[in-house]
Amino acid sequence: MTNEQTKNIIIICAVVALIGLITFVILKLTGVINKAEKKKAEKEATEQFLKEVTITNLRISETTAKQLAEKLYTAMKGWGTDEKAIYEVFSQVSTRDDVLYIFAQFGLKDGRNLTQWLTSELNAKERTKVNAILTEKNINYQI
């Protein structure tokens, strides 16, 4: 192998390594940007519901709201939907502000807020049942 061939192989290897490094940096930066956008969207989803909550009308704690939001997510993620668990959650609220607080604590899961999850996971009859639970409690909120 001549010195010229060796030099060309080294240059090719350096270019390939540089392309790999540039690709890695771009992918890494894109991930950071995506994470920042996701964080902003989650914050906006939470704030959208929190700005409507009147703290003096809350009957559930932040911890309870988070637990109920997680129970809803668990009931809807993956295969099938546990409608009974969803009905149980809405049976535990006392005020419209409780409902909004749960929605706020739910935030975004897999890019969707709780309204979007419930709409996609429950058929019209099941949403009507949730709404009936809320109406029975004199809660002015409909899904």
N, C-alpha and C. Protein backbone atom coordinates (compact mmCIF):
# COMPACT_ATOMS: atom_id res chain seq x y z
N MET A 1 0.85 -1.16 0.00
CA MET A 1 0.00 0.00 0.00
C MET A 1 0.90 1.23 0.00
N THR A 2 0.56 2.17 -0.84
CA THR A 2 1.38 3.37 -0.95
C THR A 2 1.00 4.38 0.12
N ASN A 3 1.88 5.34 0.29
CA ASN A 3 1.61 6.41 1.24
C ASN A 3 0.35 7.18 0.85
N GLU A 4 0.13 7.36 -0.45
CA GLU A 4 -1.05 8.07 -0.94
C GLU A 4 -2.32 7.31 -0.58
N GLN A 5 -2.34 5.99 -0.72
CA GLN A 5 -3.50 5.17 -0.39
C GLN A 5 -3.78 5.20 1.12
N THR A 6 -2.71 5.12 1.89
CA THR A 6 -2.84 5.18 3.36
C THR A 6 -3.44 6.52 3.77
N LYS A 7 -2.94 7.57 3.15
CA LYS A 7 -3.44 8.92 3.44
C LYS A 7 -4.92 9.02 3.09
N ASN A 8 -5.32 8.48 1.96
CA ASN A 8 -6.73 8.52 1.54
C ASN A 8 -7.63 7.74 2.49
N ILE A 9 -7.17 6.59 2.96
CA ILE A 9 -7.93 5.78 3.92
C ILE A 9 -8.11 6.53 5.23
N ILE A 10 -7.07 7.20 5.67
CA ILE A 10 -7.15 7.98 6.91
C ILE A 10 -8.14 9.13 6.76
N ILE A 11 -8.10 9.79 5.61
CA ILE A 11 -9.03 10.90 5.36
C ILE A 11 -10.47 10.38 5.34
N ILE A 12 -10.70 9.26 4.66
CA ILE A 12 -12.05 8.68 4.59
C ILE A 12 -12.54 8.31 5.99
N CYS A 13 -11.69 7.69 6.79
CA CYS A 13 -12.07 7.32 8.17
C CYS A 13 -12.39 8.57 8.99
N ALA A 14 -11.60 9.62 8.82
CA ALA A 14 -11.84 10.86 9.56
C ALA A 14 -13.17 11.48 9.16
N VAL A 15 -13.47 11.48 7.86
CA VAL A 15 -14.73 12.03 7.37
C VAL A 15 -15.92 11.23 7.91
N VAL A 16 -15.82 9.90 7.87
CA VAL A 16 -16.90 9.05 8.40
C VAL A 16 -17.09 9.29 9.89
N ALA A 17 -15.99 9.41 10.63
CA ALA A 17 -16.08 9.69 12.07
C ALA A 17 -16.71 11.05 12.32
N LEU A 18 -16.35 12.04 11.52
CA LEU A 18 -16.91 13.37 11.67
C LEU A 18 -18.40 13.38 11.36
N ILE A 19 -18.81 12.67 10.32
CA ILE A 19 -20.23 12.57 9.99
C ILE A 19 -20.99 11.90 11.14
N GLY A 20 -20.42 10.85 11.70
CA GLY A 20 -21.04 10.18 12.84
C GLY A 20 -21.18 11.10 14.03
N LEU A 21 -20.15 11.88 14.30
CA LEU A 21 -20.18 12.82 15.42
C LEU A 21 -21.24 13.90 15.19
N ILE A 22 -21.29 14.45 13.99
CA ILE A 22 -22.28 15.48 13.67
C ILE A 22 -23.70 14.91 13.80
N THR A 23 -23.91 13.70 13.32
CA THR A 23 -25.22 13.05 13.43
C THR A 23 -25.60 12.87 14.90
N PHE A 24 -24.66 12.42 15.70
CA PHE A 24 -24.91 12.23 17.14
C PHE A 24 -25.30 13.55 17.80
N VAL A 25 -24.58 14.60 17.50
CA VAL A 25 -24.86 15.91 18.10
C VAL A 25 -26.25 16.40 17.69
N ILE A 26 -26.58 16.25 16.41
CA ILE A 26 -27.90 16.68 15.94
C ILE A 26 -29.00 15.90 16.64
N LEU A 27 -28.83 14.58 16.74
CA LEU A 27 -29.84 13.77 17.41
C LEU A 27 -29.96 14.14 18.88
N LYS A 28 -28.83 14.39 19.51
CA LYS A 28 -28.83 14.77 20.92
C LYS A 28 -29.54 16.11 21.11
N LEU A 29 -29.22 17.09 20.27
CA LEU A 29 -29.86 18.39 20.37
C LEU A 29 -31.35 18.31 20.08
N THR A 30 -31.72 17.52 19.12
CA THR A 30 -33.14 17.34 18.81
C THR A 30 -33.87 16.76 20.00
N GLY A 31 -33.27 15.80 20.67
CA GLY A 31 -33.88 15.22 21.86
C GLY A 31 -34.05 16.25 22.95
N VAL A 32 -33.08 17.11 23.14
CA VAL A 32 -33.17 18.15 24.16
C VAL A 32 -34.28 19.12 23.79
N ILE A 33 -34.35 19.49 22.54
CA ILE A 33 -35.40 20.40 22.10
C ILE A 33 -36.76 19.76 22.30
N ASN A 34 -36.88 18.48 21.92
CA ASN A 34 -38.16 17.78 22.10
C ASN A 34 -38.55 17.71 23.57
N LYS A 35 -37.58 17.46 24.44
CA LYS A 35 -37.88 17.40 25.87
C LYS A 35 -38.36 18.74 26.38
N ALA A 36 -37.72 19.82 25.93
CA ALA A 36 -38.12 21.16 26.36
C ALA A 36 -39.52 21.48 25.87
N GLU A 37 -39.83 21.13 24.63
CA GLU A 37 -41.17 21.36 24.09
C GLU A 37 -42.20 20.54 24.83
N LYS A 38 -41.86 19.30 25.16
CA LYS A 38 -42.78 18.43 25.89
C LYS A 38 -43.06 19.01 27.28
N LYS A 39 -42.00 19.47 27.95
CA LYS A 39 -42.14 20.05 29.29
C LYS A 39 -43.04 21.29 29.24
N LYS A 40 -42.85 22.13 28.22
CA LYS A 40 -43.67 23.33 28.06
C LYS A 40 -45.13 22.96 27.82
N ALA A 41 -45.38 21.97 26.98
CA ALA A 41 -46.75 21.54 26.68
C ALA A 41 -47.41 20.97 27.93
N GLU A 42 -46.66 20.20 28.72
CA GLU A 42 -47.21 19.63 29.96
C GLU A 42 -47.58 20.75 30.94
N LYS A 43 -46.71 21.75 31.04
CA LYS A 43 -46.97 22.87 31.94
C LYS A 43 -48.22 23.62 31.49
N GLU A 44 -48.35 23.85 30.20
CA GLU A 44 -49.52 24.55 29.67
C GLU A 44 -50.81 23.76 29.91
N ALA A 45 -50.73 22.44 29.75
CA ALA A 45 -51.91 21.59 29.98
C ALA A 45 -52.36 21.67 31.44
N THR A 46 -51.41 21.67 32.34
CA THR A 46 -51.72 21.77 33.76
C THR A 46 -52.29 23.14 34.08
N GLU A 47 -51.63 24.19 33.59
CA GLU A 47 -52.07 25.55 33.89
C GLU A 47 -53.44 25.85 33.31
N GLN A 48 -53.76 25.25 32.18
CA GLN A 48 -55.07 25.46 31.55
C GLN A 48 -56.20 25.15 32.53
N PHE A 49 -56.07 24.05 33.27
CA PHE A 49 -57.11 23.66 34.22
C PHE A 49 -56.94 24.37 35.57
N LEU A 50 -55.69 24.58 35.99
CA LEU A 50 -55.45 25.21 37.29
C LEU A 50 -56.00 26.63 37.34
N LYS A 51 -55.95 27.35 36.22
CA LYS A 51 -56.43 28.74 36.25
C LYS A 51 -57.94 28.81 36.47
N GLU A 52 -58.65 27.70 36.27
CA GLU A 52 -60.10 27.67 36.48
C GLU A 52 -60.47 27.17 37.88
N VAL A 53 -59.49 26.67 38.62
CA VAL A 53 -59.77 26.10 39.94
C VAL A 53 -59.86 27.20 40.99
N THR A 54 -60.93 27.14 41.77
CA THR A 54 -61.07 28.01 42.94
C THR A 54 -60.67 27.18 44.15
N ILE A 55 -59.54 27.54 44.72
CA ILE A 55 -58.94 26.75 45.80
C ILE A 55 -59.91 26.53 46.96
N THR A 56 -60.71 27.53 47.27
CA THR A 56 -61.63 27.39 48.41
C THR A 56 -62.73 26.37 48.14
N ASN A 57 -62.93 26.00 46.89
CA ASN A 57 -63.95 25.00 46.56
C ASN A 57 -63.39 23.59 46.43
N LEU A 58 -62.09 23.43 46.64
CA LEU A 58 -61.50 22.09 46.55
C LEU A 58 -61.85 21.27 47.78
N ARG A 59 -62.18 20.01 47.55
CA ARG A 59 -62.46 19.09 48.65
C ARG A 59 -61.44 17.95 48.67
N ILE A 60 -60.54 17.96 47.69
CA ILE A 60 -59.49 16.93 47.65
C ILE A 60 -58.13 17.61 47.70
N SER A 61 -57.16 16.88 48.22
CA SER A 61 -55.80 17.41 48.33
C SER A 61 -55.05 17.21 47.01
N GLU A 62 -53.92 17.86 46.92
CA GLU A 62 -53.07 17.67 45.74
C GLU A 62 -52.67 16.21 45.60
N THR A 63 -52.32 15.58 46.70
CA THR A 63 -51.93 14.17 46.69
C THR A 63 -53.06 13.30 46.17
N THR A 64 -54.26 13.54 46.67
CA THR A 64 -55.42 12.77 46.22
C THR A 64 -55.68 13.00 44.74
N ALA A 65 -55.61 14.25 44.31
CA ALA A 65 -55.83 14.57 42.89
C ALA A 65 -54.81 13.84 42.01
N LYS A 66 -53.56 13.81 42.45
CA LYS A 66 -52.52 13.10 41.69
C LYS A 66 -52.81 11.60 41.65
N GLN A 67 -53.23 11.04 42.78
CA GLN A 67 -53.55 9.62 42.84
C GLN A 67 -54.73 9.28 41.93
N LEU A 68 -55.74 10.12 41.95
CA LEU A 68 -56.91 9.88 41.10
C LEU A 68 -56.56 10.04 39.62
N ALA A 69 -55.72 11.01 39.31
CA ALA A 69 -55.27 11.19 37.93
C ALA A 69 -54.48 9.96 37.46
N GLU A 70 -53.65 9.44 38.33
CA GLU A 70 -52.87 8.25 37.99
C GLU A 70 -53.79 7.03 37.84
N LYS A 71 -54.81 6.95 38.68
CA LYS A 71 -55.78 5.85 38.57
C LYS A 71 -56.50 5.91 37.23
N LEU A 72 -56.83 7.11 36.78
CA LEU A 72 -57.48 7.27 35.48
C LEU A 72 -56.54 6.83 34.35
N TYR A 73 -55.29 7.26 34.44
CA TYR A 73 -54.31 6.89 33.41
C TYR A 73 -54.13 5.37 33.36
N THR A 74 -53.99 4.76 34.51
CA THR A 74 -53.84 3.31 34.59
C THR A 74 -55.06 2.61 33.99
N ALA A 75 -56.24 3.17 34.22
CA ALA A 75 -57.48 2.57 33.71
C ALA A 75 -57.58 2.65 32.18
N MET A 76 -56.85 3.59 31.59
CA MET A 76 -57.00 3.81 30.16
C MET A 76 -55.80 3.37 29.31
N LYS A 77 -54.61 3.30 29.90
CA LYS A 77 -53.44 2.99 29.08
C LYS A 77 -53.42 1.50 28.72
N GLY A 78 -52.75 1.21 27.64
CA GLY A 78 -52.62 -0.19 27.21
C GLY A 78 -53.90 -0.71 26.59
N TRP A 79 -53.98 -2.02 26.55
CA TRP A 79 -55.14 -2.68 25.94
C TRP A 79 -56.34 -2.60 26.84
N GLY A 80 -57.47 -2.22 26.28
CA GLY A 80 -58.71 -2.19 27.03
C GLY A 80 -58.79 -0.99 27.96
N THR A 81 -59.98 -0.74 28.43
CA THR A 81 -60.23 0.37 29.34
C THR A 81 -61.02 -0.15 30.53
N ASP A 82 -60.60 0.23 31.72
CA ASP A 82 -61.29 -0.15 32.95
C ASP A 82 -62.32 0.94 33.28
N GLU A 83 -63.49 0.84 32.67
CA GLU A 83 -64.53 1.85 32.85
C GLU A 83 -64.94 1.97 34.31
N LYS A 84 -64.99 0.85 35.01
CA LYS A 84 -65.40 0.86 36.42
C LYS A 84 -64.46 1.75 37.24
N ALA A 85 -63.17 1.67 36.99
CA ALA A 85 -62.20 2.51 37.71
C ALA A 85 -62.44 3.99 37.40
N ILE A 86 -62.79 4.28 36.16
CA ILE A 86 -63.07 5.66 35.78
C ILE A 86 -64.30 6.17 36.52
N TYR A 87 -65.36 5.36 36.55
CA TYR A 87 -66.57 5.75 37.28
C TYR A 87 -66.27 5.96 38.76
N GLU A 88 -65.42 5.10 39.33
CA GLU A 88 -65.06 5.21 40.75
C GLU A 88 -64.35 6.54 41.03
N VAL A 89 -63.47 6.94 40.13
CA VAL A 89 -62.75 8.20 40.33
C VAL A 89 -63.74 9.35 40.36
N PHE A 90 -64.62 9.42 39.38
CA PHE A 90 -65.56 10.54 39.33
C PHE A 90 -66.59 10.48 40.44
N SER A 91 -66.78 9.31 41.03
CA SER A 91 -67.68 9.19 42.18
C SER A 91 -67.05 9.78 43.44
N GLN A 92 -65.74 9.97 43.43
CA GLN A 92 -65.03 10.47 44.61
C GLN A 92 -64.91 11.99 44.67
N VAL A 93 -65.34 12.68 43.62
CA VAL A 93 -65.22 14.13 43.62
C VAL A 93 -66.49 14.77 44.18
N SER A 94 -66.32 15.98 44.72
CA SER A 94 -67.46 16.67 45.32
C SER A 94 -67.79 17.99 44.63
N THR A 95 -66.80 18.55 43.95
CA THR A 95 -67.02 19.86 43.33
C THR A 95 -66.42 19.88 41.92
N ARG A 96 -66.86 20.88 41.15
CA ARG A 96 -66.30 21.09 39.81
C ARG A 96 -64.79 21.33 39.91
N ASP A 97 -64.39 22.04 40.96
CA ASP A 97 -62.97 22.33 41.15
C ASP A 97 -62.16 21.06 41.42
N ASP A 98 -62.76 20.09 42.10
CA ASP A 98 -62.09 18.79 42.27
C ASP A 98 -61.80 18.17 40.90
N VAL A 99 -62.80 18.20 40.03
CA VAL A 99 -62.66 17.62 38.69
C VAL A 99 -61.54 18.34 37.94
N LEU A 100 -61.58 19.67 37.95
CA LEU A 100 -60.56 20.45 37.24
C LEU A 100 -59.17 20.20 37.82
N TYR A 101 -59.09 20.02 39.12
CA TYR A 101 -57.80 19.76 39.79
C TYR A 101 -57.24 18.41 39.35
N ILE A 102 -58.09 17.42 39.20
CA ILE A 102 -57.64 16.11 38.71
C ILE A 102 -57.13 16.26 37.27
N PHE A 103 -57.87 17.00 36.45
CA PHE A 103 -57.45 17.23 35.07
C PHE A 103 -56.10 17.93 35.04
N ALA A 104 -55.91 18.91 35.93
CA ALA A 104 -54.64 19.63 36.00
C ALA A 104 -53.51 18.70 36.42
N GLN A 105 -53.76 17.85 37.42
CA GLN A 105 -52.73 16.92 37.88
C GLN A 105 -52.42 15.85 36.84
N PHE A 106 -53.39 15.52 36.02
CA PHE A 106 -53.17 14.55 34.94
C PHE A 106 -52.17 15.10 33.94
N GLY A 107 -52.30 16.39 33.64
CA GLY A 107 -51.40 17.02 32.68
C GLY A 107 -51.51 16.38 31.31
N LEU A 108 -50.37 16.06 30.73
CA LEU A 108 -50.32 15.35 29.45
C LEU A 108 -49.71 13.98 29.68
N LYS A 109 -50.34 13.00 29.15
CA LYS A 109 -49.81 11.63 29.16
C LYS A 109 -49.76 11.18 27.71
N ASP A 110 -48.59 10.83 27.26
CA ASP A 110 -48.41 10.41 25.87
C ASP A 110 -48.94 11.48 24.91
N GLY A 111 -48.75 12.74 25.27
CA GLY A 111 -49.12 13.84 24.40
C GLY A 111 -50.59 14.24 24.41
N ARG A 112 -51.39 13.64 25.31
CA ARG A 112 -52.82 13.96 25.35
C ARG A 112 -53.23 14.35 26.76
N ASN A 113 -54.18 15.31 26.85
CA ASN A 113 -54.71 15.67 28.17
C ASN A 113 -55.84 14.71 28.54
N LEU A 114 -56.38 14.87 29.73
CA LEU A 114 -57.38 13.93 30.22
C LEU A 114 -58.66 13.97 29.39
N THR A 115 -59.06 15.14 28.93
CA THR A 115 -60.24 15.23 28.06
C THR A 115 -60.04 14.37 26.81
N GLN A 116 -58.89 14.49 26.20
CA GLN A 116 -58.59 13.72 24.99
C GLN A 116 -58.56 12.22 25.28
N TRP A 117 -57.99 11.85 26.42
CA TRP A 117 -57.95 10.43 26.80
C TRP A 117 -59.37 9.89 26.98
N LEU A 118 -60.17 10.59 27.77
CA LEU A 118 -61.53 10.12 28.06
C LEU A 118 -62.37 10.04 26.78
N THR A 119 -62.22 11.03 25.92
CA THR A 119 -62.98 11.05 24.67
C THR A 119 -62.60 9.87 23.77
N SER A 120 -61.32 9.53 23.76
CA SER A 120 -60.90 8.42 22.89
C SER A 120 -61.13 7.05 23.52
N GLU A 121 -61.16 6.98 24.83
CA GLU A 121 -61.28 5.68 25.51
C GLU A 121 -62.72 5.28 25.84
N LEU A 122 -63.59 6.27 25.99
CA LEU A 122 -64.97 5.98 26.37
C LEU A 122 -65.89 6.25 25.18
N ASN A 123 -66.86 5.36 24.99
CA ASN A 123 -67.84 5.62 23.94
C ASN A 123 -68.89 6.60 24.49
N ALA A 124 -69.83 6.98 23.65
CA ALA A 124 -70.83 7.98 24.04
C ALA A 124 -71.62 7.56 25.27
N LYS A 125 -72.01 6.29 25.34
CA LYS A 125 -72.79 5.79 26.48
C LYS A 125 -71.97 5.87 27.77
N GLU A 126 -70.69 5.53 27.69
CA GLU A 126 -69.82 5.56 28.88
C GLU A 126 -69.56 7.00 29.33
N ARG A 127 -69.38 7.92 28.37
CA ARG A 127 -69.21 9.34 28.73
C ARG A 127 -70.49 9.88 29.37
N THR A 128 -71.63 9.44 28.86
CA THR A 128 -72.91 9.85 29.45
C THR A 128 -73.00 9.39 30.90
N LYS A 129 -72.51 8.19 31.18
CA LYS A 129 -72.53 7.68 32.55
C LYS A 129 -71.64 8.53 33.46
N VAL A 130 -70.46 8.90 32.98
CA VAL A 130 -69.59 9.77 33.77
C VAL A 130 -70.29 11.10 34.02
N ASN A 131 -70.88 11.66 32.97
CA ASN A 131 -71.59 12.93 33.11
C ASN A 131 -72.76 12.83 34.08
N ALA A 132 -73.43 11.69 34.09
CA ALA A 132 -74.54 11.47 35.03
C ALA A 132 -74.03 11.44 36.47
N ILE A 133 -72.88 10.83 36.68
CA ILE A 133 -72.27 10.80 38.02
C ILE A 133 -72.02 12.22 38.49
N LEU A 134 -71.48 13.04 37.59
CA LEU A 134 -71.18 14.43 37.94
C LEU A 134 -72.48 15.23 38.18
N THR A 135 -73.46 15.02 37.34
CA THR A 135 -74.74 15.73 37.46
C THR A 135 -75.42 15.38 38.79
N GLU A 136 -75.38 14.11 39.17
CA GLU A 136 -75.97 13.68 40.44
C GLU A 136 -75.35 14.40 41.62
N LYS A 137 -74.11 14.81 41.47
CA LYS A 137 -73.40 15.51 42.54
C LYS A 137 -73.50 17.03 42.38
N ASN A 138 -74.36 17.47 41.45
CA ASN A 138 -74.52 18.90 41.15
C ASN A 138 -73.22 19.54 40.69
N ILE A 139 -72.42 18.78 39.97
CA ILE A 139 -71.17 19.29 39.43
C ILE A 139 -71.40 19.67 37.97
N ASN A 140 -71.19 20.94 37.70
CA ASN A 140 -71.42 21.47 36.37
C ASN A 140 -70.16 21.26 35.51
N TYR A 141 -69.98 20.04 35.05
CA TYR A 141 -68.87 19.72 34.17
C TYR A 141 -69.27 18.50 33.34
N GLN A 142 -69.04 18.58 32.06
CA GLN A 142 -69.39 17.49 31.16
C GLN A 142 -68.18 17.07 30.34
N ILE A 143 -68.06 15.78 30.12
CA ILE A 143 -66.96 15.26 29.31
C ILE A 143 -67.46 15.10 27.88
